[in-house]
Amino acid sequence: MGNVWSGVTIDCLDPALVARFWSALLGREPGPSPDGWVYLGERDDPLPRLVFQPVPTPAAGKVRIHLDVTVDDIDKGMAQVVELGGHFTGERHDYDEGVVVVMTDPENHEFCLVQYYADRHDR
């Protein structure tokens, strides 16, 4: 039996709001979903499905896992996130390989935008 990574589930107060943000950011369309939930993609897609699950209370504290989203231009990526209703946390890390900024979606789930420098990606 082979194990396959099939998806990531994100707890949300408003799954439709958060799913719209991620759908626009990643260019992934919603698939068939149970009432109150939103799935971006389907179970057999080549990329893992994103699942937005309704929960009654907001998250407390920092989540210990997050998504990384690679962009071609960090400034344009940050502007897109803000335009879609997300936020820049103020945290930025510059490395030899590229730059990482910590952003949030509309419900403050943190994720990283990453721009790798083309001449350094083989490291």
PDB file of N, CA and C in Angstrom:
ATOM      1  N   MET A   1       0.834  -1.179   0.000  1.00  0.00           N
ATOM      2  CA  MET A   1       0.000   0.000   0.000  1.00  0.00           C
ATOM      3  C   MET A   1       0.882   1.247   0.000  1.00  0.00           C
ATOM      4  N   GLY A   2       0.633   2.163  -0.933  1.00  0.00           N
ATOM      5  CA  GLY A   2       1.398   3.401  -0.979  1.00  0.00           C
ATOM      6  C   GLY A   2       0.669   4.520  -0.271  1.00  0.00           C
ATOM      7  N   ASN A   3       1.416   5.359   0.378  1.00  0.00           N
ATOM      8  CA  ASN A   3       0.836   6.522   1.037  1.00  0.00           C
ATOM      9  C   ASN A   3       0.956   7.720   0.105  1.00  0.00           C
ATOM     10  N   VAL A   4      -0.095   8.504   0.003  1.00  0.00           N
ATOM     11  CA  VAL A   4      -0.125   9.651  -0.893  1.00  0.00           C
ATOM     12  C   VAL A   4      -0.653  10.864  -0.140  1.00  0.00           C
ATOM     13  N   TRP A   5       0.056  11.961  -0.232  1.00  0.00           N
ATOM     14  CA  TRP A   5      -0.410  13.202   0.354  1.00  0.00           C
ATOM     15  C   TRP A   5      -1.545  13.699  -0.515  1.00  0.00           C
ATOM     16  N   SER A   6      -2.753  13.797   0.047  1.00  0.00           N
ATOM     17  CA  SER A   6      -3.930  14.111  -0.755  1.00  0.00           C
ATOM     18  C   SER A   6      -4.515  15.489  -0.486  1.00  0.00           C
ATOM     19  N   GLY A   7      -4.145  16.141   0.616  1.00  0.00           N
ATOM     20  CA  GLY A   7      -4.730  17.438   0.871  1.00  0.00           C
ATOM     21  C   GLY A   7      -4.246  18.090   2.139  1.00  0.00           C
ATOM     22  N   VAL A   8      -4.668  19.336   2.304  1.00  0.00           N
ATOM     23  CA  VAL A   8      -4.411  20.125   3.503  1.00  0.00           C
ATOM     24  C   VAL A   8      -5.753  20.696   3.941  1.00  0.00           C
ATOM     25  N   THR A   9      -6.096  20.542   5.216  1.00  0.00           N
ATOM     26  CA  THR A   9      -7.353  21.059   5.746  1.00  0.00           C
ATOM     27  C   THR A   9      -7.069  22.276   6.606  1.00  0.00           C
ATOM     28  N   ILE A  10      -7.836  23.345   6.362  1.00  0.00           N
ATOM     29  CA  ILE A  10      -7.673  24.598   7.090  1.00  0.00           C
ATOM     30  C   ILE A  10      -8.980  24.892   7.823  1.00  0.00           C
ATOM     31  N   ASP A  11      -8.916  25.025   9.148  1.00  0.00           N
ATOM     32  CA  ASP A  11     -10.086  25.378   9.953  1.00  0.00           C
ATOM     33  C   ASP A  11     -10.434  26.845   9.735  1.00  0.00           C
ATOM     34  N   CYS A  12     -11.727  27.145   9.536  1.00  0.00           N
ATOM     35  CA  CYS A  12     -12.157  28.514   9.230  1.00  0.00           C
ATOM     36  C   CYS A  12     -13.472  28.851   9.910  1.00  0.00           C
ATOM     37  N   LEU A  13     -13.604  30.097  10.316  1.00  0.00           N
ATOM     38  CA  LEU A  13     -14.900  30.593  10.762  1.00  0.00           C
ATOM     39  C   LEU A  13     -15.821  30.778   9.555  1.00  0.00           C
ATOM     40  N   ASP A  14     -15.246  31.234   8.436  1.00  0.00           N
ATOM     41  CA  ASP A  14     -16.005  31.478   7.207  1.00  0.00           C
ATOM     42  C   ASP A  14     -15.284  30.779   6.047  1.00  0.00           C
ATOM     43  N   PRO A  15     -15.536  29.470   5.850  1.00  0.00           N
ATOM     44  CA  PRO A  15     -14.827  28.730   4.806  1.00  0.00           C
ATOM     45  C   PRO A  15     -14.967  29.334   3.410  1.00  0.00           C
ATOM     46  N   ALA A  16     -16.125  29.886   3.073  1.00  0.00           N
ATOM     47  CA  ALA A  16     -16.307  30.461   1.735  1.00  0.00           C
ATOM     48  C   ALA A  16     -15.394  31.660   1.523  1.00  0.00           C
ATOM     49  N   LEU A  17     -15.268  32.533   2.524  1.00  0.00           N
ATOM     50  CA  LEU A  17     -14.399  33.707   2.439  1.00  0.00           C
ATOM     51  C   LEU A  17     -12.945  33.293   2.250  1.00  0.00           C
ATOM     52  N   VAL A  18     -12.482  32.393   3.090  1.00  0.00           N
ATOM     53  CA  VAL A  18     -11.077  31.988   3.043  1.00  0.00           C
ATOM     54  C   VAL A  18     -10.797  31.211   1.751  1.00  0.00           C
ATOM     55  N   ALA A  19     -11.723  30.373   1.320  1.00  0.00           N
ATOM     56  CA  ALA A  19     -11.536  29.616   0.076  1.00  0.00           C
ATOM     57  C   ALA A  19     -11.472  30.539  -1.131  1.00  0.00           C
ATOM     58  N   ARG A  20     -12.283  31.605  -1.155  1.00  0.00           N
ATOM     59  CA  ARG A  20     -12.217  32.562  -2.270  1.00  0.00           C
ATOM     60  C   ARG A  20     -10.833  33.187  -2.355  1.00  0.00           C
ATOM     61  N   PHE A  21     -10.259  33.544  -1.205  1.00  0.00           N
ATOM     62  CA  PHE A  21      -8.915  34.116  -1.160  1.00  0.00           C
ATOM     63  C   PHE A  21      -7.910  33.146  -1.788  1.00  0.00           C
ATOM     64  N   TRP A  22      -7.891  31.901  -1.295  1.00  0.00           N
ATOM     65  CA  TRP A  22      -6.918  30.917  -1.776  1.00  0.00           C
ATOM     66  C   TRP A  22      -7.170  30.531  -3.229  1.00  0.00           C
ATOM     67  N   SER A  23      -8.423  30.471  -3.638  1.00  0.00           N
ATOM     68  CA  SER A  23      -8.759  30.165  -5.022  1.00  0.00           C
ATOM     69  C   SER A  23      -8.169  31.217  -5.956  1.00  0.00           C
ATOM     70  N   ALA A  24      -8.334  32.493  -5.597  1.00  0.00           N
ATOM     71  CA  ALA A  24      -7.795  33.576  -6.419  1.00  0.00           C
ATOM     72  C   ALA A  24      -6.272  33.602  -6.384  1.00  0.00           C
ATOM     73  N   LEU A  25      -5.680  33.379  -5.217  1.00  0.00           N
ATOM     74  CA  LEU A  25      -4.224  33.432  -5.090  1.00  0.00           C
ATOM     75  C   LEU A  25      -3.553  32.307  -5.868  1.00  0.00           C
ATOM     76  N   LEU A  26      -4.118  31.105  -5.806  1.00  0.00           N
ATOM     77  CA  LEU A  26      -3.478  29.941  -6.413  1.00  0.00           C
ATOM     78  C   LEU A  26      -4.074  29.533  -7.760  1.00  0.00           C
ATOM     79  N   GLY A  27      -5.157  30.182  -8.161  1.00  0.00           N
ATOM     80  CA  GLY A  27      -5.781  29.811  -9.426  1.00  0.00           C
ATOM     81  C   GLY A  27      -6.376  28.413  -9.406  1.00  0.00           C
ATOM     82  N   ARG A  28      -6.932  28.014  -8.262  1.00  0.00           N
ATOM     83  CA  ARG A  28      -7.547  26.690  -8.120  1.00  0.00           C
ATOM     84  C   ARG A  28      -9.045  26.850  -7.937  1.00  0.00           C
ATOM     85  N   GLU A  29      -9.788  26.127  -8.731  1.00  0.00           N
ATOM     86  CA  GLU A  29     -11.245  26.215  -8.697  1.00  0.00           C
ATOM     87  C   GLU A  29     -11.831  25.298  -7.632  1.00  0.00           C
ATOM     88  N   PRO A  30     -12.954  25.705  -7.042  1.00  0.00           N
ATOM     89  CA  PRO A  30     -13.639  24.820  -6.097  1.00  0.00           C
ATOM     90  C   PRO A  30     -14.138  23.553  -6.790  1.00  0.00           C
ATOM     91  N   GLY A  31     -14.073  22.451  -6.071  1.00  0.00           N
ATOM     92  CA  GLY A  31     -14.610  21.188  -6.548  1.00  0.00           C
ATOM     93  C   GLY A  31     -15.834  20.818  -5.726  1.00  0.00           C
ATOM     94  N   PRO A  32     -16.400  19.639  -5.962  1.00  0.00           N
ATOM     95  CA  PRO A  32     -17.548  19.196  -5.165  1.00  0.00           C
ATOM     96  C   PRO A  32     -17.195  19.213  -3.676  1.00  0.00           C
ATOM     97  N   SER A  33     -18.088  19.783  -2.862  1.00  0.00           N
ATOM     98  CA  SER A  33     -17.832  19.956  -1.434  1.00  0.00           C
ATOM     99  C   SER A  33     -19.096  19.695  -0.638  1.00  0.00           C
ATOM    100  N   PRO A  34     -18.959  19.144   0.584  1.00  0.00           N
ATOM    101  CA  PRO A  34     -20.129  19.003   1.454  1.00  0.00           C
ATOM    102  C   PRO A  34     -20.642  20.381   1.889  1.00  0.00           C
ATOM    103  N   ASP A  35     -21.883  20.457   2.316  1.00  0.00           N
ATOM    104  CA  ASP A  35     -22.463  21.722   2.785  1.00  0.00           C
ATOM    105  C   ASP A  35     -21.601  22.343   3.878  1.00  0.00           C
ATOM    106  N   GLY A  36     -21.329  23.648   3.719  1.00  0.00           N
ATOM    107  CA  GLY A  36     -20.563  24.385   4.719  1.00  0.00           C
ATOM    108  C   GLY A  36     -19.061  24.293   4.542  1.00  0.00           C
ATOM    109  N   TRP A  37     -18.585  23.339   3.771  1.00  0.00           N
ATOM    110  CA  TRP A  37     -17.168  23.146   3.505  1.00  0.00           C
ATOM    111  C   TRP A  37     -16.873  23.662   2.103  1.00  0.00           C
ATOM    112  N   VAL A  38     -15.599  23.917   1.808  1.00  0.00           N
ATOM    113  CA  VAL A  38     -15.191  24.233   0.437  1.00  0.00           C
ATOM    114  C   VAL A  38     -13.910  23.453   0.143  1.00  0.00           C
ATOM    115  N   TYR A  39     -13.930  22.740  -0.972  1.00  0.00           N
ATOM    116  CA  TYR A  39     -12.744  22.028  -1.456  1.00  0.00           C
ATOM    117  C   TYR A  39     -12.219  22.753  -2.684  1.00  0.00           C
ATOM    118  N   LEU A  40     -10.937  23.074  -2.705  1.00  0.00           N
ATOM    119  CA  LEU A  40     -10.303  23.563  -3.922  1.00  0.00           C
ATOM    120  C   LEU A  40      -9.583  22.385  -4.541  1.00  0.00           C
ATOM    121  N   GLY A  41     -10.059  21.988  -5.698  1.00  0.00           N
ATOM    122  CA  GLY A  41      -9.546  20.793  -6.344  1.00  0.00           C
ATOM    123  C   GLY A  41     -10.371  19.586  -5.953  1.00  0.00           C
ATOM    124  N   GLU A  42      -9.997  18.463  -6.545  1.00  0.00           N
ATOM    125  CA  GLU A  42     -10.684  17.206  -6.281  1.00  0.00           C
ATOM    126  C   GLU A  42      -9.685  16.167  -5.802  1.00  0.00           C
ATOM    127  N   ARG A  43     -10.197  15.097  -5.248  1.00  0.00           N
ATOM    128  CA  ARG A  43      -9.360  14.077  -4.633  1.00  0.00           C
ATOM    129  C   ARG A  43      -8.304  13.513  -5.585  1.00  0.00           C
ATOM    130  N   ASP A  44      -8.612  13.377  -6.867  1.00  0.00           N
ATOM    131  CA  ASP A  44      -7.677  12.766  -7.816  1.00  0.00           C
ATOM    132  C   ASP A  44      -6.815  13.770  -8.567  1.00  0.00           C
ATOM    133  N   ASP A  45      -6.851  15.043  -8.181  1.00  0.00           N
ATOM    134  CA  ASP A  45      -6.012  16.046  -8.843  1.00  0.00           C
ATOM    135  C   ASP A  45      -4.533  15.756  -8.608  1.00  0.00           C
ATOM    136  N   PRO A  46      -3.669  16.221  -9.525  1.00  0.00           N
ATOM    137  CA  PRO A  46      -2.228  16.011  -9.324  1.00  0.00           C
ATOM    138  C   PRO A  46      -1.665  16.803  -8.140  1.00  0.00           C
ATOM    139  N   LEU A  47      -2.292  17.930  -7.795  1.00  0.00           N
ATOM    140  CA  LEU A  47      -1.877  18.705  -6.627  1.00  0.00           C
ATOM    141  C   LEU A  47      -2.764  18.341  -5.440  1.00  0.00           C
ATOM    142  N   PRO A  48      -2.243  18.415  -4.227  1.00  0.00           N
ATOM    143  CA  PRO A  48      -3.096  18.159  -3.057  1.00  0.00           C
ATOM    144  C   PRO A  48      -4.276  19.124  -3.011  1.00  0.00           C
ATOM    145  N   ARG A  49      -5.417  18.593  -2.611  1.00  0.00           N
ATOM    146  CA  ARG A  49      -6.639  19.386  -2.486  1.00  0.00           C
ATOM    147  C   ARG A  49      -6.549  20.253  -1.226  1.00  0.00           C
ATOM    148  N   LEU A  50      -7.039  21.491  -1.302  1.00  0.00           N
ATOM    149  CA  LEU A  50      -7.163  22.344  -0.125  1.00  0.00           C
ATOM    150  C   LEU A  50      -8.597  22.247   0.366  1.00  0.00           C
ATOM    151  N   VAL A  51      -8.757  21.957   1.656  1.00  0.00           N
ATOM    152  CA  VAL A  51     -10.073  21.765   2.255  1.00  0.00           C
ATOM    153  C   VAL A  51     -10.267  22.836   3.316  1.00  0.00           C
ATOM    154  N   PHE A  52     -11.384  23.567   3.225  1.00  0.00           N
ATOM    155  CA  PHE A  52     -11.706  24.611   4.183  1.00  0.00           C
ATOM    156  C   PHE A  52     -12.882  24.133   5.013  1.00  0.00           C
ATOM    157  N   GLN A  53     -12.585  23.848   6.272  1.00  0.00           N
ATOM    158  CA  GLN A  53     -13.517  23.199   7.200  1.00  0.00           C
ATOM    159  C   GLN A  53     -14.102  24.217   8.167  1.00  0.00           C
ATOM    160  N   PRO A  54     -15.428  24.227   8.335  1.00  0.00           N
ATOM    161  CA  PRO A  54     -16.010  25.176   9.287  1.00  0.00           C
ATOM    162  C   PRO A  54     -15.734  24.761  10.730  1.00  0.00           C
ATOM    163  N   VAL A  55     -15.362  25.743  11.541  1.00  0.00           N
ATOM    164  CA  VAL A  55     -15.180  25.545  12.980  1.00  0.00           C
ATOM    165  C   VAL A  55     -15.836  26.720  13.699  1.00  0.00           C
ATOM    166  N   PRO A  56     -16.279  26.539  14.947  1.00  0.00           N
ATOM    167  CA  PRO A  56     -17.025  27.597  15.636  1.00  0.00           C
ATOM    168  C   PRO A  56     -16.175  28.664  16.326  1.00  0.00           C
ATOM    169  N   THR A  57     -14.872  28.425  16.497  1.00  0.00           N
ATOM    170  CA  THR A  57     -14.051  29.381  17.241  1.00  0.00           C
ATOM    171  C   THR A  57     -12.771  29.700  16.463  1.00  0.00           C
ATOM    172  N   PRO A  58     -12.262  30.935  16.613  1.00  0.00           N
ATOM    173  CA  PRO A  58     -11.009  31.285  15.938  1.00  0.00           C
ATOM    174  C   PRO A  58      -9.827  30.545  16.559  1.00  0.00           C
ATOM    175  N   ALA A  59      -8.782  30.401  15.776  1.00  0.00           N
ATOM    176  CA  ALA A  59      -7.560  29.763  16.272  1.00  0.00           C
ATOM    177  C   ALA A  59      -6.918  30.643  17.338  1.00  0.00           C
ATOM    178  N   ALA A  60      -6.297  30.006  18.310  1.00  0.00           N
ATOM    179  CA  ALA A  60      -5.568  30.732  19.350  1.00  0.00           C
ATOM    180  C   ALA A  60      -4.103  30.337  19.269  1.00  0.00           C
ATOM    181  N   GLY A  61      -3.233  31.315  19.139  1.00  0.00           N
ATOM    182  CA  GLY A  61      -1.800  31.033  19.090  1.00  0.00           C
ATOM    183  C   GLY A  61      -1.327  30.714  17.679  1.00  0.00           C
ATOM    184  N   LYS A  62      -0.030  30.552  17.561  1.00  0.00           N
ATOM    185  CA  LYS A  62       0.614  30.292  16.276  1.00  0.00           C
ATOM    186  C   LYS A  62       0.422  28.842  15.864  1.00  0.00           C
ATOM    187  N   VAL A  63       0.017  28.655  14.617  1.00  0.00           N
ATOM    188  CA  VAL A  63      -0.093  27.310  14.054  1.00  0.00           C
ATOM    189  C   VAL A  63       1.307  26.839  13.695  1.00  0.00           C
ATOM    190  N   ARG A  64       1.621  25.588  13.961  1.00  0.00           N
ATOM    191  CA  ARG A  64       2.976  25.077  13.775  1.00  0.00           C
ATOM    192  C   ARG A  64       3.244  24.523  12.382  1.00  0.00           C
ATOM    193  N   ILE A  65       2.303  24.655  11.465  1.00  0.00           N
ATOM    194  CA  ILE A  65       2.506  24.249  10.083  1.00  0.00           C
ATOM    195  C   ILE A  65       1.872  25.319   9.203  1.00  0.00           C
ATOM    196  N   HIS A  66       2.474  25.576   8.048  1.00  0.00           N
ATOM    197  CA  HIS A  66       1.918  26.592   7.149  1.00  0.00           C
ATOM    198  C   HIS A  66       2.279  26.252   5.716  1.00  0.00           C
ATOM    199  N   LEU A  67       1.620  26.924   4.783  1.00  0.00           N
ATOM    200  CA  LEU A  67       1.892  26.738   3.368  1.00  0.00           C
ATOM    201  C   LEU A  67       2.945  27.735   2.911  1.00  0.00           C
ATOM    202  N   ASP A  68       3.766  27.335   1.941  1.00  0.00           N
ATOM    203  CA  ASP A  68       4.690  28.228   1.251  1.00  0.00           C
ATOM    204  C   ASP A  68       4.178  28.394  -0.170  1.00  0.00           C
ATOM    205  N   VAL A  69       4.118  29.616  -0.643  1.00  0.00           N
ATOM    206  CA  VAL A  69       3.669  29.914  -1.998  1.00  0.00           C
ATOM    207  C   VAL A  69       4.816  30.615  -2.716  1.00  0.00           C
ATOM    208  N   THR A  70       5.317  30.004  -3.779  1.00  0.00           N
ATOM    209  CA  THR A  70       6.412  30.579  -4.553  1.00  0.00           C
ATOM    210  C   THR A  70       5.865  31.587  -5.555  1.00  0.00           C
ATOM    211  N   VAL A  71       6.490  32.752  -5.598  1.00  0.00           N
ATOM    212  CA  VAL A  71       6.095  33.820  -6.522  1.00  0.00           C
ATOM    213  C   VAL A  71       7.312  34.243  -7.347  1.00  0.00           C
ATOM    214  N   ASP A  72       7.047  34.833  -8.509  1.00  0.00           N
ATOM    215  CA  ASP A  72       8.126  35.338  -9.357  1.00  0.00           C
ATOM    216  C   ASP A  72       8.669  36.666  -8.854  1.00  0.00           C
ATOM    217  N   ASP A  73       7.795  37.470  -8.237  1.00  0.00           N
ATOM    218  CA  ASP A  73       8.171  38.803  -7.769  1.00  0.00           C
ATOM    219  C   ASP A  73       7.539  39.016  -6.391  1.00  0.00           C
ATOM    220  N   ILE A  74       8.358  39.153  -5.370  1.00  0.00           N
ATOM    221  CA  ILE A  74       7.863  39.217  -3.998  1.00  0.00           C
ATOM    222  C   ILE A  74       6.959  40.432  -3.777  1.00  0.00           C
ATOM    223  N   ASP A  75       7.322  41.585  -4.351  1.00  0.00           N
ATOM    224  CA  ASP A  75       6.508  42.790  -4.158  1.00  0.00           C
ATOM    225  C   ASP A  75       5.140  42.646  -4.817  1.00  0.00           C
ATOM    226  N   LYS A  76       5.098  42.107  -6.028  1.00  0.00           N
ATOM    227  CA  LYS A  76       3.817  41.886  -6.702  1.00  0.00           C
ATOM    228  C   LYS A  76       2.998  40.834  -5.965  1.00  0.00           C
ATOM    229  N   GLY A  77       3.646  39.790  -5.456  1.00  0.00           N
ATOM    230  CA  GLY A  77       2.946  38.765  -4.682  1.00  0.00           C
ATOM    231  C   GLY A  77       2.330  39.335  -3.419  1.00  0.00           C
ATOM    232  N   MET A  78       3.085  40.174  -2.719  1.00  0.00           N
ATOM    233  CA  MET A  78       2.561  40.802  -1.506  1.00  0.00           C
ATOM    234  C   MET A  78       1.379  41.705  -1.830  1.00  0.00           C
ATOM    235  N   ALA A  79       1.483  42.469  -2.914  1.00  0.00           N
ATOM    236  CA  ALA A  79       0.385  43.357  -3.312  1.00  0.00           C
ATOM    237  C   ALA A  79      -0.863  42.546  -3.645  1.00  0.00           C
ATOM    238  N   GLN A  80      -0.694  41.404  -4.304  1.00  0.00           N
ATOM    239  CA  GLN A  80      -1.839  40.563  -4.636  1.00  0.00           C
ATOM    240  C   GLN A  80      -2.517  40.040  -3.377  1.00  0.00           C
ATOM    241  N   VAL A  81      -1.730  39.585  -2.413  1.00  0.00           N
ATOM    242  CA  VAL A  81      -2.296  39.081  -1.158  1.00  0.00           C
ATOM    243  C   VAL A  81      -3.110  40.167  -0.467  1.00  0.00           C
ATOM    244  N   VAL A  82      -2.574  41.365  -0.387  1.00  0.00           N
ATOM    245  CA  VAL A  82      -3.284  42.469   0.263  1.00  0.00           C
ATOM    246  C   VAL A  82      -4.553  42.819  -0.512  1.00  0.00           C
ATOM    247  N   GLU A  83      -4.463  42.853  -1.842  1.00  0.00           N
ATOM    248  CA  GLU A  83      -5.635  43.149  -2.673  1.00  0.00           C
ATOM    249  C   GLU A  83      -6.746  42.117  -2.463  1.00  0.00           C
ATOM    250  N   LEU A  84      -6.366  40.867  -2.198  1.00  0.00           N
ATOM    251  CA  LEU A  84      -7.341  39.792  -1.990  1.00  0.00           C
ATOM    252  C   LEU A  84      -7.889  39.751  -0.564  1.00  0.00           C
ATOM    253  N   GLY A  85      -7.384  40.615   0.319  1.00  0.00           N
ATOM    254  CA  GLY A  85      -7.901  40.663   1.690  1.00  0.00           C
ATOM    255  C   GLY A  85      -6.959  40.101   2.730  1.00  0.00           C
ATOM    256  N   GLY A  86      -5.756  39.724   2.328  1.00  0.00           N
ATOM    257  CA  GLY A  86      -4.755  39.233   3.271  1.00  0.00           C
ATOM    258  C   GLY A  86      -3.918  40.378   3.823  1.00  0.00           C
ATOM    259  N   HIS A  87      -2.901  40.035   4.604  1.00  0.00           N
ATOM    260  CA  HIS A  87      -2.086  41.050   5.275  1.00  0.00           C
ATOM    261  C   HIS A  87      -0.622  40.617   5.322  1.00  0.00           C
ATOM    262  N   PHE A  88       0.263  41.603   5.367  1.00  0.00           N
ATOM    263  CA  PHE A  88       1.695  41.390   5.603  1.00  0.00           C
ATOM    264  C   PHE A  88       1.925  41.501   7.105  1.00  0.00           C
ATOM    265  N   THR A  89       2.600  40.521   7.689  1.00  0.00           N
ATOM    266  CA  THR A  89       2.831  40.526   9.136  1.00  0.00           C
ATOM    267  C   THR A  89       3.965  41.448   9.550  1.00  0.00           C
ATOM    268  N   GLY A  90       4.762  41.890   8.575  1.00  0.00           N
ATOM    269  CA  GLY A  90       5.946  42.680   8.894  1.00  0.00           C
ATOM    270  C   GLY A  90       7.201  41.829   8.979  1.00  0.00           C
ATOM    271  N   GLU A  91       7.040  40.517   8.881  1.00  0.00           N
ATOM    272  CA  GLU A  91       8.192  39.614   8.988  1.00  0.00           C
ATOM    273  C   GLU A  91       8.742  39.290   7.599  1.00  0.00           C
ATOM    274  N   ARG A  92      10.024  39.568   7.402  1.00  0.00           N
ATOM    275  CA  ARG A  92      10.715  39.315   6.134  1.00  0.00           C
ATOM    276  C   ARG A  92      12.083  38.716   6.437  1.00  0.00           C
ATOM    277  N   HIS A  93      12.467  37.730   5.633  1.00  0.00           N
ATOM    278  CA  HIS A  93      13.775  37.080   5.782  1.00  0.00           C
ATOM    279  C   HIS A  93      14.458  37.065   4.420  1.00  0.00           C
ATOM    280  N   ASP A  94      15.653  37.633   4.355  1.00  0.00           N
ATOM    281  CA  ASP A  94      16.441  37.637   3.126  1.00  0.00           C
ATOM    282  C   ASP A  94      17.574  36.628   3.267  1.00  0.00           C
ATOM    283  N   TYR A  95      17.660  35.733   2.297  1.00  0.00           N
ATOM    284  CA  TYR A  95      18.675  34.681   2.277  1.00  0.00           C
ATOM    285  C   TYR A  95      19.424  34.747   0.955  1.00  0.00           C
ATOM    286  N   ASP A  96      20.547  34.049   0.861  1.00  0.00           N
ATOM    287  CA  ASP A  96      21.277  33.976  -0.405  1.00  0.00           C
ATOM    288  C   ASP A  96      20.405  33.393  -1.514  1.00  0.00           C
ATOM    289  N   GLU A  97      19.532  32.441  -1.169  1.00  0.00           N
ATOM    290  CA  GLU A  97      18.685  31.746  -2.161  1.00  0.00           C
ATOM    291  C   GLU A  97      17.479  32.564  -2.585  1.00  0.00           C
ATOM    292  N   GLY A  98      17.058  33.514  -1.756  1.00  0.00           N
ATOM    293  CA  GLY A  98      15.866  34.283  -2.076  1.00  0.00           C
ATOM    294  C   GLY A  98      15.322  34.996  -0.859  1.00  0.00           C
ATOM    295  N   VAL A  99      14.060  35.371  -0.940  1.00  0.00           N
ATOM    296  CA  VAL A  99      13.418  36.124   0.133  1.00  0.00           C
ATOM    297  C   VAL A  99      12.117  35.427   0.528  1.00  0.00           C
ATOM    298  N   VAL A 100      11.812  35.503   1.827  1.00  0.00           N
ATOM    299  CA  VAL A 100      10.588  34.923   2.378  1.00  0.00           C
ATOM    300  C   VAL A 100       9.890  36.015   3.184  1.00  0.00           C
ATOM    301  N   VAL A 101       8.587  36.195   2.933  1.00  0.00           N
ATOM    302  CA  VAL A 101       7.792  37.117   3.747  1.00  0.00           C
ATOM    303  C   VAL A 101       6.616  36.339   4.329  1.00  0.00           C
ATOM    304  N   VAL A 102       6.254  36.678   5.556  1.00  0.00           N
ATOM    305  CA  VAL A 102       5.138  36.018   6.224  1.00  0.00           C
ATOM    306  C   VAL A 102       3.889  36.870   6.010  1.00  0.00           C
ATOM    307  N   MET A 103       2.859  36.235   5.454  1.00  0.00           N
ATOM    308  CA  MET A 103       1.597  36.887   5.141  1.00  0.00           C
ATOM    309  C   MET A 103       0.481  36.168   5.885  1.00  0.00           C
ATOM    310  N   THR A 104      -0.720  36.735   5.849  1.00  0.00           N
ATOM    311  CA  THR A 104      -1.895  36.051   6.397  1.00  0.00           C
ATOM    312  C   THR A 104      -3.030  36.137   5.386  1.00  0.00           C
ATOM    313  N   ASP A 105      -3.939  35.168   5.471  1.00  0.00           N
ATOM    314  CA  ASP A 105      -5.163  35.227   4.665  1.00  0.00           C
ATOM    315  C   ASP A 105      -6.193  36.048   5.444  1.00  0.00           C
ATOM    316  N   PRO A 106      -7.421  36.193   4.951  1.00  0.00           N
ATOM    317  CA  PRO A 106      -8.399  37.039   5.645  1.00  0.00           C
ATOM    318  C   PRO A 106      -8.744  36.616   7.075  1.00  0.00           C
ATOM    319  N   GLU A 107      -8.507  35.354   7.460  1.00  0.00           N
ATOM    320  CA  GLU A 107      -8.759  34.927   8.845  1.00  0.00           C
ATOM    321  C   GLU A 107      -7.466  34.785   9.640  1.00  0.00           C
ATOM    322  N   ASN A 108      -6.409  35.395   9.141  1.00  0.00           N
ATOM    323  CA  ASN A 108      -5.106  35.443   9.815  1.00  0.00           C
ATOM    324  C   ASN A 108      -4.372  34.112   9.886  1.00  0.00           C
ATOM    325  N   HIS A 109      -4.653  33.182   8.962  1.00  0.00           N
ATOM    326  CA  HIS A 109      -3.814  31.988   8.835  1.00  0.00           C
ATOM    327  C   HIS A 109      -2.503  32.438   8.194  1.00  0.00           C
ATOM    328  N   GLU A 110      -1.397  32.184   8.863  1.00  0.00           N
ATOM    329  CA  GLU A 110      -0.105  32.597   8.321  1.00  0.00           C
ATOM    330  C   GLU A 110       0.355  31.662   7.215  1.00  0.00           C
ATOM    331  N   PHE A 111       1.035  32.238   6.226  1.00  0.00           N
ATOM    332  CA  PHE A 111       1.701  31.476   5.173  1.00  0.00           C
ATOM    333  C   PHE A 111       2.871  32.307   4.683  1.00  0.00           C
ATOM    334  N   CYS A 112       3.764  31.683   3.941  1.00  0.00           N
ATOM    335  CA  CYS A 112       4.930  32.392   3.429  1.00  0.00           C
ATOM    336  C   CYS A 112       4.845  32.564   1.924  1.00  0.00           C
ATOM    337  N   LEU A 113       5.192  33.759   1.471  1.00  0.00           N
ATOM    338  CA  LEU A 113       5.474  33.973   0.058  1.00  0.00           C
ATOM    339  C   LEU A 113       6.982  33.855  -0.077  1.00  0.00           C
ATOM    340  N   VAL A 114       7.414  33.128  -1.098  1.00  0.00           N
ATOM    341  CA  VAL A 114       8.835  32.872  -1.298  1.00  0.00           C
ATOM    342  C   VAL A 114       9.204  33.245  -2.728  1.00  0.00           C
ATOM    343  N   GLN A 115      10.252  34.052  -2.875  1.00  0.00           N
ATOM    344  CA  GLN A 115      10.817  34.313  -4.193  1.00  0.00           C
ATOM    345  C   GLN A 115      12.228  33.765  -4.179  1.00  0.00           C
ATOM    346  N   TYR A 116      12.455  32.751  -4.992  1.00  0.00           N
ATOM    347  CA  TYR A 116      13.797  32.184  -5.133  1.00  0.00           C
ATOM    348  C   TYR A 116      14.535  32.948  -6.216  1.00  0.00           C
ATOM    349  N   TYR A 117      15.806  33.210  -6.001  1.00  0.00           N
ATOM    350  CA  TYR A 117      16.619  33.864  -7.026  1.00  0.00           C
ATOM    351  C   TYR A 117      17.022  32.810  -8.046  1.00  0.00           C
ATOM    352  N   ALA A 118      16.805  33.093  -9.309  1.00  0.00           N
ATOM    353  CA  ALA A 118      16.991  32.125 -10.398  1.00  0.00           C
ATOM    354  C   ALA A 118      18.400  31.528 -10.421  1.00  0.00           C
ATOM    355  N   ASP A 119      19.408  32.308 -10.169  1.00  0.00           N
ATOM    356  CA  ASP A 119      20.778  31.799 -10.260  1.00  0.00           C
ATOM    357  C   ASP A 119      21.209  31.011  -9.030  1.00  0.00           C
ATOM    358  N   ARG A 120      20.329  30.872  -8.042  1.00  0.00           N
ATOM    359  CA  ARG A 120      20.693  30.179  -6.805  1.00  0.00           C
ATOM    360  C   ARG A 120      19.818  28.960  -6.519  1.00  0.00           C
ATOM    361  N   HIS A 121      18.862  28.601  -7.391  1.00  0.00           N
ATOM    362  CA  HIS A 121      17.893  27.564  -7.046  1.00  0.00           C
ATOM    363  C   HIS A 121      18.471  26.150  -7.043  1.00  0.00           C
ATOM    364  N   ASP A 122      19.684  25.952  -7.548  1.00  0.00           N
ATOM    365  CA  ASP A 122      20.274  24.605  -7.573  1.00  0.00           C
ATOM    366  C   ASP A 122      20.939  24.208  -6.268  1.00  0.00           C
ATOM    367  N   ARG A 123      20.994  25.094  -5.302  1.00  0.00           N
ATOM    368  CA  ARG A 123      21.665  24.775  -4.025  1.00  0.00           C
ATOM    369  C   ARG A 123      20.882  23.810  -3.192  1.00  0.00           C
TER     370      ARG A 123
END
